[in-house]
Amino acid sequence: MAAALSVLSSGCGKQNAQAPAKPASTTPAAQTTPVNAEGLSLLDFTITKNQAGKSVLKGNVSNTTTRKLDRATVEFKLFDKTGNEVGTAMASVDNLGARFSWSFEVEIQPQDAASAKLVGFTAK
């Protein structure tokens, strides 16, 4: 069984004004429907390559509440091309403002992960 990967977002602490929910990307890695839990909503995500050629999971999460969240985390399961689970990826942010969205990007392992599925959110 592949080891889980827990990575903090390189955009930690960055916030963007909330934009309307974007439609899901048509890439296979972006099989997403907005999901709400603990006041968080997954707007979109995809697996792509960064400038260094590394596989990354990129996406956007919105705080739909009227309160600031001290810490928000999103977790995904990663799958290979044949659908076998190969790991996990997590991204976190501190001080996510009320009605703000957060863009995350985390390097994933293994590099050949082909798709991801939302596991869930935690917030405090």
C-alpha atoms as a PDB file:
ATOM      1  CA  MET A   1       0.000   0.000   0.000  1.00  0.00           C
ATOM      2  CA  ALA A   2       1.390   3.369  -0.967  1.00  0.00           C
ATOM      3  CA  ALA A   3       2.292   5.778   1.772  1.00  0.00           C
ATOM      4  CA  ALA A   4       0.045   8.766   2.294  1.00  0.00           C
ATOM      5  CA  LEU A   5       1.351  12.186   1.431  1.00  0.00           C
ATOM      6  CA  SER A   6       0.449  15.192   3.496  1.00  0.00           C
ATOM      7  CA  VAL A   7       1.569  18.487   2.030  1.00  0.00           C
ATOM      8  CA  LEU A   8       0.764  22.028   3.026  1.00  0.00           C
ATOM      9  CA  SER A   9      -0.248  24.422   0.310  1.00  0.00           C
ATOM     10  CA  SER A  10       2.432  26.706  -1.033  1.00  0.00           C
ATOM     11  CA  GLY A  11      -0.265  29.406  -1.122  1.00  0.00           C
ATOM     12  CA  CYS A  12      -0.879  29.091   2.609  1.00  0.00           C
ATOM     13  CA  GLY A  13      -2.458  32.250   3.953  1.00  0.00           C
ATOM     14  CA  LYS A  14      -3.323  33.671   0.538  1.00  0.00           C
ATOM     15  CA  GLN A  15      -6.936  34.576  -0.032  1.00  0.00           C
ATOM     16  CA  ASN A  16      -8.784  35.621  -3.131  1.00  0.00           C
ATOM     17  CA  ALA A  17     -12.093  37.423  -3.368  1.00  0.00           C
ATOM     18  CA  GLN A  18     -14.792  34.817  -3.783  1.00  0.00           C
ATOM     19  CA  ALA A  19     -15.735  34.218  -7.387  1.00  0.00           C
ATOM     20  CA  PRO A  20     -18.773  32.349  -8.682  1.00  0.00           C
ATOM     21  CA  ALA A  21     -18.348  28.586  -8.738  1.00  0.00           C
ATOM     22  CA  LYS A  22     -16.498  27.461 -11.850  1.00  0.00           C
ATOM     23  CA  PRO A  23     -17.688  24.501 -13.905  1.00  0.00           C
ATOM     24  CA  ALA A  24     -15.688  21.306 -13.418  1.00  0.00           C
ATOM     25  CA  SER A  25     -12.722  20.901 -15.731  1.00  0.00           C
ATOM     26  CA  THR A  26     -13.101  18.339 -18.481  1.00  0.00           C
ATOM     27  CA  THR A  27      -9.826  16.600 -17.619  1.00  0.00           C
ATOM     28  CA  PRO A  28     -10.187  13.110 -16.077  1.00  0.00           C
ATOM     29  CA  ALA A  29      -8.476  14.232 -12.866  1.00  0.00           C
ATOM     30  CA  ALA A  30     -11.105  16.895 -12.266  1.00  0.00           C
ATOM     31  CA  GLN A  31     -14.138  14.744 -11.550  1.00  0.00           C
ATOM     32  CA  THR A  32     -15.767  17.144  -9.127  1.00  0.00           C
ATOM     33  CA  THR A  33     -19.089  18.354  -7.918  1.00  0.00           C
ATOM     34  CA  PRO A  34     -19.181  21.181  -5.396  1.00  0.00           C
ATOM     35  CA  VAL A  35     -19.325  19.549  -1.955  1.00  0.00           C
ATOM     36  CA  ASN A  36     -20.166  21.414   1.229  1.00  0.00           C
ATOM     37  CA  ALA A  37     -18.988  20.309   4.652  1.00  0.00           C
ATOM     38  CA  GLU A  38     -18.140  22.426   7.662  1.00  0.00           C
ATOM     39  CA  GLY A  39     -18.863  25.560   5.635  1.00  0.00           C
ATOM     40  CA  LEU A  40     -16.342  24.710   2.915  1.00  0.00           C
ATOM     41  CA  SER A  41     -17.102  24.127  -0.750  1.00  0.00           C
ATOM     42  CA  LEU A  42     -14.798  22.565  -3.348  1.00  0.00           C
ATOM     43  CA  LEU A  43     -15.122  24.737  -6.445  1.00  0.00           C
ATOM     44  CA  ASP A  44     -12.773  22.801  -8.740  1.00  0.00           C
ATOM     45  CA  PHE A  45      -9.586  20.737  -8.895  1.00  0.00           C
ATOM     46  CA  THR A  46      -7.288  19.076 -11.392  1.00  0.00           C
ATOM     47  CA  ILE A  47      -4.018  17.145 -11.613  1.00  0.00           C
ATOM     48  CA  THR A  48      -1.468  18.877 -13.815  1.00  0.00           C
ATOM     49  CA  LYS A  49       2.286  19.520 -14.101  1.00  0.00           C
ATOM     50  CA  ASN A  50       3.940  22.544 -12.517  1.00  0.00           C
ATOM     51  CA  GLN A  51       6.764  24.575 -14.089  1.00  0.00           C
ATOM     52  CA  ALA A  52       9.318  22.105 -12.716  1.00  0.00           C
ATOM     53  CA  GLY A  53       7.510  19.222 -14.443  1.00  0.00           C
ATOM     54  CA  LYS A  54       6.216  17.725 -11.162  1.00  0.00           C
ATOM     55  CA  SER A  55       2.656  16.435 -10.817  1.00  0.00           C
ATOM     56  CA  VAL A  56       0.518  18.710  -8.656  1.00  0.00           C
ATOM     57  CA  LEU A  57      -3.062  18.799  -7.458  1.00  0.00           C
ATOM     58  CA  LYS A  58      -4.477  22.303  -7.919  1.00  0.00           C
ATOM     59  CA  GLY A  59      -7.862  23.597  -6.904  1.00  0.00           C
ATOM     60  CA  ASN A  60     -10.053  26.152  -5.205  1.00  0.00           C
ATOM     61  CA  VAL A  61     -12.004  25.929  -1.954  1.00  0.00           C
ATOM     62  CA  SER A  62     -14.520  28.499  -0.721  1.00  0.00           C
ATOM     63  CA  ASN A  63     -15.454  29.381   2.861  1.00  0.00           C
ATOM     64  CA  THR A  64     -19.215  29.785   2.508  1.00  0.00           C
ATOM     65  CA  THR A  65     -19.699  30.811   6.137  1.00  0.00           C
ATOM     66  CA  THR A  66     -19.949  34.276   7.667  1.00  0.00           C
ATOM     67  CA  ARG A  67     -17.040  33.574  10.027  1.00  0.00           C
ATOM     68  CA  LYS A  68     -13.279  33.419   9.644  1.00  0.00           C
ATOM     69  CA  LEU A  69     -11.848  29.900   9.876  1.00  0.00           C
ATOM     70  CA  ASP A  70      -8.607  29.586  11.852  1.00  0.00           C
ATOM     71  CA  ARG A  71      -7.576  26.554   9.774  1.00  0.00           C
ATOM     72  CA  ALA A  72      -9.140  24.749   6.825  1.00  0.00           C
ATOM     73  CA  THR A  73      -7.943  21.476   5.308  1.00  0.00           C
ATOM     74  CA  VAL A  74      -9.038  19.547   2.223  1.00  0.00           C
ATOM     75  CA  GLU A  75      -8.068  15.894   1.676  1.00  0.00           C
ATOM     76  CA  PHE A  76      -8.065  13.767  -1.491  1.00  0.00           C
ATOM     77  CA  LYS A  77      -7.442  10.123  -2.364  1.00  0.00           C
ATOM     78  CA  LEU A  78      -5.138   9.602  -5.369  1.00  0.00           C
ATOM     79  CA  PHE A  79      -5.609   6.882  -8.004  1.00  0.00           C
ATOM     80  CA  ASP A  80      -3.483   5.468 -10.833  1.00  0.00           C
ATOM     81  CA  LYS A  81      -4.705   5.022 -14.430  1.00  0.00           C
ATOM     82  CA  THR A  82      -6.278   1.661 -13.592  1.00  0.00           C
ATOM     83  CA  GLY A  83      -8.254   3.069 -10.648  1.00  0.00           C
ATOM     84  CA  ASN A  84      -6.111   1.638  -7.848  1.00  0.00           C
ATOM     85  CA  GLU A  85      -5.667   3.895  -4.821  1.00  0.00           C
ATOM     86  CA  VAL A  86      -2.017   5.004  -4.654  1.00  0.00           C
ATOM     87  CA  GLY A  87      -1.957   7.660  -1.930  1.00  0.00           C
ATOM     88  CA  THR A  88      -3.502  10.766  -0.464  1.00  0.00           C
ATOM     89  CA  ALA A  89      -2.912  14.497  -0.696  1.00  0.00           C
ATOM     90  CA  MET A  90      -3.848  17.250   1.741  1.00  0.00           C
ATOM     91  CA  ALA A  91      -3.738  21.019   1.564  1.00  0.00           C
ATOM     92  CA  SER A  92      -4.314  23.449   4.443  1.00  0.00           C
ATOM     93  CA  VAL A  93      -4.626  27.171   4.959  1.00  0.00           C
ATOM     94  CA  ASP A  94      -4.689  29.347   8.073  1.00  0.00           C
ATOM     95  CA  ASN A  95      -7.038  32.307   8.611  1.00  0.00           C
ATOM     96  CA  LEU A  96      -9.492  31.762   5.758  1.00  0.00           C
ATOM     97  CA  GLY A  97     -11.783  34.787   5.785  1.00  0.00           C
ATOM     98  CA  ALA A  98     -15.557  34.632   5.694  1.00  0.00           C
ATOM     99  CA  ARG A  99     -16.861  34.242   2.142  1.00  0.00           C
ATOM    100  CA  PHE A 100     -13.318  34.056   0.739  1.00  0.00           C
ATOM    101  CA  SER A 101     -11.900  31.399  -1.538  1.00  0.00           C
ATOM    102  CA  TRP A 102      -8.495  29.774  -1.341  1.00  0.00           C
ATOM    103  CA  SER A 103      -6.388  28.445  -4.210  1.00  0.00           C
ATOM    104  CA  PHE A 104      -4.183  25.491  -3.366  1.00  0.00           C
ATOM    105  CA  GLU A 105      -1.418  23.617  -5.161  1.00  0.00           C
ATOM    106  CA  VAL A 106       0.331  20.582  -3.676  1.00  0.00           C
ATOM    107  CA  GLU A 107       2.930  18.278  -5.198  1.00  0.00           C
ATOM    108  CA  ILE A 108       1.644  14.727  -5.238  1.00  0.00           C
ATOM    109  CA  GLN A 109       3.270  11.337  -4.849  1.00  0.00           C
ATOM    110  CA  PRO A 110       3.383   9.107  -6.725  1.00  0.00           C
ATOM    111  CA  GLN A 111       4.037  11.272  -9.752  1.00  0.00           C
ATOM    112  CA  ASP A 112       1.968   8.961 -11.982  1.00  0.00           C
ATOM    113  CA  ALA A 113      -1.284   9.516 -10.040  1.00  0.00           C
ATOM    114  CA  ALA A 114      -3.930  10.009 -12.723  1.00  0.00           C
ATOM    115  CA  SER A 115      -6.994  11.112 -10.756  1.00  0.00           C
ATOM    116  CA  ALA A 116      -8.155  12.285  -7.368  1.00  0.00           C
ATOM    117  CA  LYS A 117     -11.346  12.066  -5.329  1.00  0.00           C
ATOM    118  CA  LEU A 118     -12.379  14.375  -2.508  1.00  0.00           C
ATOM    119  CA  VAL A 119     -12.297  12.675   0.896  1.00  0.00           C
ATOM    120  CA  GLY A 120     -13.488  15.660   2.901  1.00  0.00           C
ATOM    121  CA  PHE A 121     -12.791  18.851   4.797  1.00  0.00           C
ATOM    122  CA  THR A 122     -11.838  19.841   8.314  1.00  0.00           C
ATOM    123  CA  ALA A 123     -12.181  23.341   9.697  1.00  0.00           C
ATOM    124  CA  LYS A 124     -11.829  25.158  12.987  1.00  0.00           C
END
